[in-house]
Protein backbone atom coordinates (compact mmCIF):
# COMPACT_ATOMS: atom_id res chain seq x y z
CA UNK A 1 122.59 97.95 104.13
CA UNK A 2 124.32 97.75 101.15
CA UNK A 3 128.05 97.51 100.61
CA UNK A 4 128.59 101.11 100.51
CA UNK A 5 126.82 102.03 103.53
CA UNK A 6 123.47 103.22 101.80
CA UNK A 7 120.22 101.77 103.38
CA UNK A 8 118.53 99.05 101.61
CA UNK A 9 115.21 100.45 99.90
CA UNK A 10 111.76 98.30 99.78
CA UNK A 11 110.74 99.15 95.95
CA UNK A 12 107.53 97.63 94.51
CA UNK A 13 108.11 97.00 90.44
CA UNK A 14 104.70 97.12 88.75
CA UNK A 15 104.74 95.48 85.31
CA UNK A 16 107.78 93.70 86.16
CA UNK A 17 107.78 90.72 83.73
CA UNK A 18 107.97 93.14 80.67
CA UNK A 19 111.69 94.09 79.45
CA UNK A 20 111.92 97.09 80.96
CA UNK A 21 110.61 95.67 84.28
CA UNK A 22 112.82 92.89 84.25
CA UNK A 23 115.87 95.02 83.68
CA UNK A 24 114.80 97.68 86.31
CA UNK A 25 114.51 94.97 88.67
CA UNK A 26 117.66 93.11 88.35
CA UNK A 27 119.38 96.57 88.39
CA UNK A 28 117.68 97.07 91.85
CA UNK A 29 118.76 94.14 93.27
CA UNK A 30 122.08 94.23 92.14
CA UNK A 31 122.39 97.54 94.21
CA UNK A 32 121.16 95.38 97.28
CA UNK A 33 117.45 96.74 97.22
CA UNK A 34 114.82 94.48 98.26
CA UNK A 35 112.00 94.38 95.20
CA UNK A 36 108.84 93.13 95.18
CA UNK A 37 107.64 92.54 92.01
CA UNK A 38 103.94 92.45 90.44
CA UNK A 39 102.73 91.54 87.10
CA UNK A 40 99.68 89.41 85.41
CA UNK A 41 101.53 86.56 84.17
CA UNK A 42 102.23 84.36 87.46
CA UNK A 43 104.75 81.82 85.47
CA UNK A 44 107.04 84.88 84.46
CA UNK A 45 106.80 86.41 87.75
CA UNK A 46 107.92 83.13 89.21
CA UNK A 47 110.93 82.63 87.03
CA UNK A 48 112.07 86.47 87.51
CA UNK A 49 111.60 86.37 91.31
CA UNK A 50 114.12 83.12 91.32
CA UNK A 51 116.52 84.81 88.99
CA UNK A 52 116.69 87.94 91.32
CA UNK A 53 118.30 85.49 94.18
CA UNK A 54 121.71 86.30 94.87
CA UNK A 55 123.52 83.71 97.06
CA UNK A 56 126.79 86.09 97.40
CA UNK A 57 125.07 88.55 99.16
CA UNK A 58 122.35 86.76 100.86
CA UNK A 59 119.51 87.90 98.88
CA UNK A 60 116.63 85.52 98.71
CA UNK A 61 114.09 85.26 95.64
CA UNK A 62 111.95 88.07 95.21
CA UNK A 63 108.45 88.32 96.55
CA UNK A 64 106.06 88.68 94.06
CA UNK A 65 102.12 89.52 93.64
CA UNK A 66 100.28 88.14 90.72
CA UNK A 67 97.53 90.69 89.31
CA UNK A 68 96.19 91.76 86.12
CA UNK A 69 95.40 95.75 86.45
CA UNK A 70 92.40 95.31 83.94
CA UNK A 71 90.83 93.43 87.03
CA UNK A 72 88.87 95.38 89.10
CA UNK A 73 90.17 94.44 92.48
CA UNK A 74 93.86 94.53 90.83
CA UNK A 75 94.62 97.77 93.85
CA UNK A 76 93.46 95.70 96.72
CA UNK A 77 95.14 92.53 95.74
CA UNK A 78 98.70 94.07 95.12
CA UNK A 79 98.09 95.98 98.36
CA UNK A 80 97.43 92.86 100.27
CA UNK A 81 100.04 90.80 98.88
CA UNK A 82 102.57 93.64 99.39
CA UNK A 83 101.39 93.63 103.27
CA UNK A 84 101.85 90.12 103.59
CA UNK A 85 105.41 89.94 101.92
CA UNK A 86 106.76 92.79 103.64
CA UNK A 87 104.99 93.59 106.90
CA UNK A 88 105.24 97.10 108.11
CA UNK A 89 106.30 98.35 111.23
CA UNK A 90 105.84 101.38 113.43
CA UNK A 91 109.13 103.04 111.67
CA UNK A 92 108.73 101.88 108.32
CA UNK A 93 106.17 100.84 105.81
CA UNK A 94 105.78 97.63 103.37
CA UNK A 95 107.58 99.66 100.60
CA UNK A 96 109.79 102.84 100.15
CA UNK A 97 109.51 103.46 96.50
CA UNK A 98 107.25 102.38 93.61
CA UNK A 99 108.48 101.90 89.92
CA UNK A 100 105.44 102.23 87.38
CA UNK A 101 106.77 100.23 84.34
CA UNK A 102 103.33 99.20 83.30
CA UNK A 103 102.77 97.73 80.03
CA UNK A 104 101.56 97.02 77.26
CA UNK A 105 102.38 99.08 74.06
CA UNK A 106 99.33 98.09 72.01
CA UNK A 107 98.80 99.25 68.15
CA UNK A 108 95.69 100.77 67.61
CA UNK A 109 95.14 101.85 63.91
CA UNK A 110 93.23 104.80 63.91
CA UNK A 111 90.22 103.29 61.51
CA UNK A 112 89.92 100.47 64.14
CA UNK A 113 90.04 102.52 67.15
CA UNK A 114 87.21 101.21 69.60
CA UNK A 115 85.98 102.60 73.03
CA UNK A 116 87.48 99.30 74.70
CA UNK A 117 90.95 100.05 73.35
CA UNK A 118 90.91 103.44 75.46
CA UNK A 119 89.18 102.27 78.65
CA UNK A 120 91.69 99.04 78.87
CA UNK A 121 94.86 101.16 78.13
CA UNK A 122 93.83 104.27 80.39
CA UNK A 123 92.98 101.36 82.91
CA UNK A 124 96.46 99.94 82.93
CA UNK A 125 98.61 102.91 82.40
CA UNK A 126 96.71 105.56 84.27
CA UNK A 127 93.85 104.85 86.28
CA UNK A 128 95.15 101.59 88.38
CA UNK A 129 98.59 102.93 88.88
CA UNK A 130 97.26 106.23 90.36
CA UNK A 131 95.21 104.43 92.67
CA UNK A 132 97.90 102.06 93.76
CA UNK A 133 99.98 104.82 94.71
CA UNK A 134 97.29 106.40 96.53
CA UNK A 135 96.82 103.56 98.55
CA UNK A 136 100.55 103.14 99.31
CA UNK A 137 100.54 106.79 99.86
CA UNK A 138 101.18 106.54 103.78
CA UNK A 139 104.28 103.82 103.40
CA UNK A 140 106.06 106.16 100.57
CA UNK A 141 105.62 109.00 103.16
CA UNK A 142 107.30 107.07 106.05
CA UNK A 143 110.40 106.67 103.75
CA UNK A 144 110.12 109.77 102.34
CA UNK A 145 110.36 107.90 99.11
CA UNK A 146 109.78 108.33 95.43
CA UNK A 147 107.17 107.31 92.72
CA UNK A 148 109.31 106.62 89.41
CA UNK A 149 107.14 106.16 86.55
CA UNK A 150 108.10 104.98 82.83
CA UNK A 151 106.55 107.77 80.46
CA UNK A 152 106.32 108.14 76.77
CA UNK A 153 108.21 110.78 74.51
CA UNK A 154 105.46 110.37 72.15
CA UNK A 155 102.98 112.29 74.27
CA UNK A 156 105.05 115.40 73.02
CA UNK A 157 105.61 114.15 69.59
CA UNK A 158 102.80 111.59 68.62
CA UNK A 159 103.45 109.00 66.15
CA UNK A 160 100.53 107.07 64.28
CA UNK A 161 98.66 104.02 65.22
CA UNK A 162 99.07 104.62 68.93
CA UNK A 163 96.18 106.65 69.83
CA UNK A 164 95.03 104.54 73.10
CA UNK A 165 98.91 104.21 74.31
CA UNK A 166 99.79 108.05 73.88
CA UNK A 167 96.64 108.99 75.48
CA UNK A 168 96.64 106.69 78.56
CA UNK A 169 100.44 107.96 78.95
CA UNK A 170 99.51 111.46 78.69
CA UNK A 171 97.17 110.89 81.39
CA UNK A 172 99.32 109.36 83.71
CA UNK A 173 102.02 112.26 83.20
CA UNK A 174 99.44 114.75 84.32
CA UNK A 175 98.18 112.43 87.06
CA UNK A 176 101.75 112.12 88.39
CA UNK A 177 101.96 116.07 88.57
CA UNK A 178 98.74 115.97 90.50
CA UNK A 179 100.21 113.43 92.81
CA UNK A 180 103.35 115.45 93.40
CA UNK A 181 101.60 118.44 94.58
CA UNK A 182 99.34 115.91 96.94
CA UNK A 183 102.41 113.89 98.27
CA UNK A 184 104.48 116.93 98.82
CA UNK A 185 106.96 117.14 101.03
CA UNK A 186 107.25 113.94 101.90
CA UNK A 187 107.03 112.05 98.81
CA UNK A 188 109.17 112.61 95.35
CA UNK A 189 107.21 112.03 91.88
CA UNK A 190 109.35 111.39 88.75
CA UNK A 191 108.74 110.31 85.32
CA UNK A 192 111.26 108.90 82.55
CA UNK A 193 109.89 109.46 79.17
CA UNK A 194 111.19 106.95 76.69
CA UNK A 195 111.05 106.89 73.03
CA UNK A 196 110.18 103.34 71.46
CA UNK A 197 112.48 100.56 72.94
CA UNK A 198 114.25 98.51 70.37
CA UNK A 199 112.30 95.03 70.27
CA UNK A 200 114.27 92.20 68.17
CA UNK A 201 110.99 89.80 68.48
CA UNK A 202 108.57 92.69 66.70
CA UNK A 203 111.20 93.17 63.86
CA UNK A 204 111.68 89.77 63.07
CA UNK A 205 107.89 89.15 62.90
CA UNK A 206 106.33 89.79 59.60
CA UNK A 207 102.87 90.19 60.26
CA UNK A 208 103.79 93.04 62.94
CA UNK A 209 106.95 94.30 61.38
CA UNK A 210 105.40 96.95 58.94
CA UNK A 211 103.48 98.66 61.47
CA UNK A 212 105.91 98.37 64.15
CA UNK A 213 108.91 99.77 61.73
CA UNK A 214 106.69 102.35 60.83
CA UNK A 215 105.81 103.77 64.32
CA UNK A 216 109.48 103.12 65.27
CA UNK A 217 110.76 105.39 62.49
CA UNK A 218 108.24 107.92 63.41
CA UNK A 219 109.50 108.28 66.74
CA UNK A 220 113.13 107.96 65.85
CA UNK A 221 113.20 111.91 65.42
CA UNK A 222 111.83 112.23 69.15
CA UNK A 223 114.21 113.70 71.69
CA UNK A 224 116.01 111.05 73.77
CA UNK A 225 114.40 109.89 76.92
CA UNK A 226 113.69 112.75 79.28
CA UNK A 227 113.57 112.64 83.34
CA UNK A 228 110.73 114.85 84.82
CA UNK A 229 111.12 115.40 88.43
CA UNK A 230 108.20 117.30 90.26
CA UNK A 231 108.08 118.83 93.55
CA UNK A 232 106.59 121.97 94.71
CA UNK A 233 109.31 122.73 97.36
CA UNK A 234 111.80 124.38 95.71
CA UNK A 235 112.09 126.69 92.72
CA UNK A 236 115.40 125.45 91.38
CA UNK A 237 115.38 124.37 87.49
CA UNK A 238 117.95 121.51 87.64
CA UNK A 239 117.25 118.21 86.70
CA UNK A 240 118.78 115.11 85.64
CA UNK A 241 119.96 115.87 81.94
CA UNK A 242 119.24 112.07 80.32
CA UNK A 243 122.22 110.54 78.50
CA UNK A 244 121.36 108.96 75.26
CA UNK A 245 123.54 106.27 75.85
CA UNK A 246 122.03 105.41 79.45
CA UNK A 247 119.88 102.15 79.78
CA UNK A 248 116.23 102.46 81.34
CA UNK A 249 117.36 101.00 84.34
CA UNK A 250 120.31 103.43 85.13
CA UNK A 251 117.89 106.30 84.48
CA UNK A 252 115.31 105.09 86.85
CA UNK A 253 117.83 104.59 89.40
CA UNK A 254 119.24 107.97 89.05
CA UNK A 255 115.93 109.34 89.10
CA UNK A 256 115.18 107.43 92.54
CA UNK A 257 118.10 108.45 94.31
CA UNK A 258 117.25 110.56 97.63
CA UNK A 259 118.39 114.05 96.27
CA UNK A 260 115.61 116.80 97.66
CA UNK A 261 116.73 119.36 94.88
CA UNK A 262 114.37 119.04 91.97
CA UNK A 263 112.32 121.27 89.76
CA UNK A 264 109.36 123.32 91.03
CA UNK A 265 106.23 121.49 89.21
CA UNK A 266 108.16 121.72 85.73
CA UNK A 267 110.02 119.24 83.74
CA UNK A 268 113.66 119.40 84.11
CA UNK A 269 115.50 117.84 81.07
């Protein structure tokens, strides 16, 4: 139970060691939710897990599962790790909600685009996340939980040199719309569609700065981040309006709140 009387949630953060994943994990921990982290870098996972301990509230270091989403057994490894870290009970599953903050953000110049680029990126951003939600759907249903995914505004206004990434983000957007139907009425499915997020390291790297800045500038005219909320249970067209000044973690938190009034299979901006 949190300080304001809200029941703490068990939330799996996929892609937890990326810049956005870290921000989301920290924000969820600060609101007294119990997070479990997964990413491919064990060292970064251990460091992040330790940093999420909150002695003042009695919060211990976060549980984590190392898994590379490109590996064939990634889903099984994550599910087994989650079950071991947070055993399910009769009334509650191992997780209540899932945040999909999967990376990476690969630059694929069109002249150099290969089959492997598409296969790798679609696997990480779409295939494995969808299979993971499928594997944990029973847990989500028990908690009347939510799936919150980070999408890309570039799927509706593309920018150059990112065909593989934008194709993969388009695939997960469509897949999650389908899951919203499959998981209704017990699980809510949300997508927060982002523009390019500022990266000081990329701007400071001479070898990467030209392509990065070109993509960033190309996407600068795209609409601000949008929260897409889908459910087949009601027809109201109200949805959370994305505030340009709001942080990604704030948008993800607002999208994961347990409101049951959401749009009917249409994006609510």
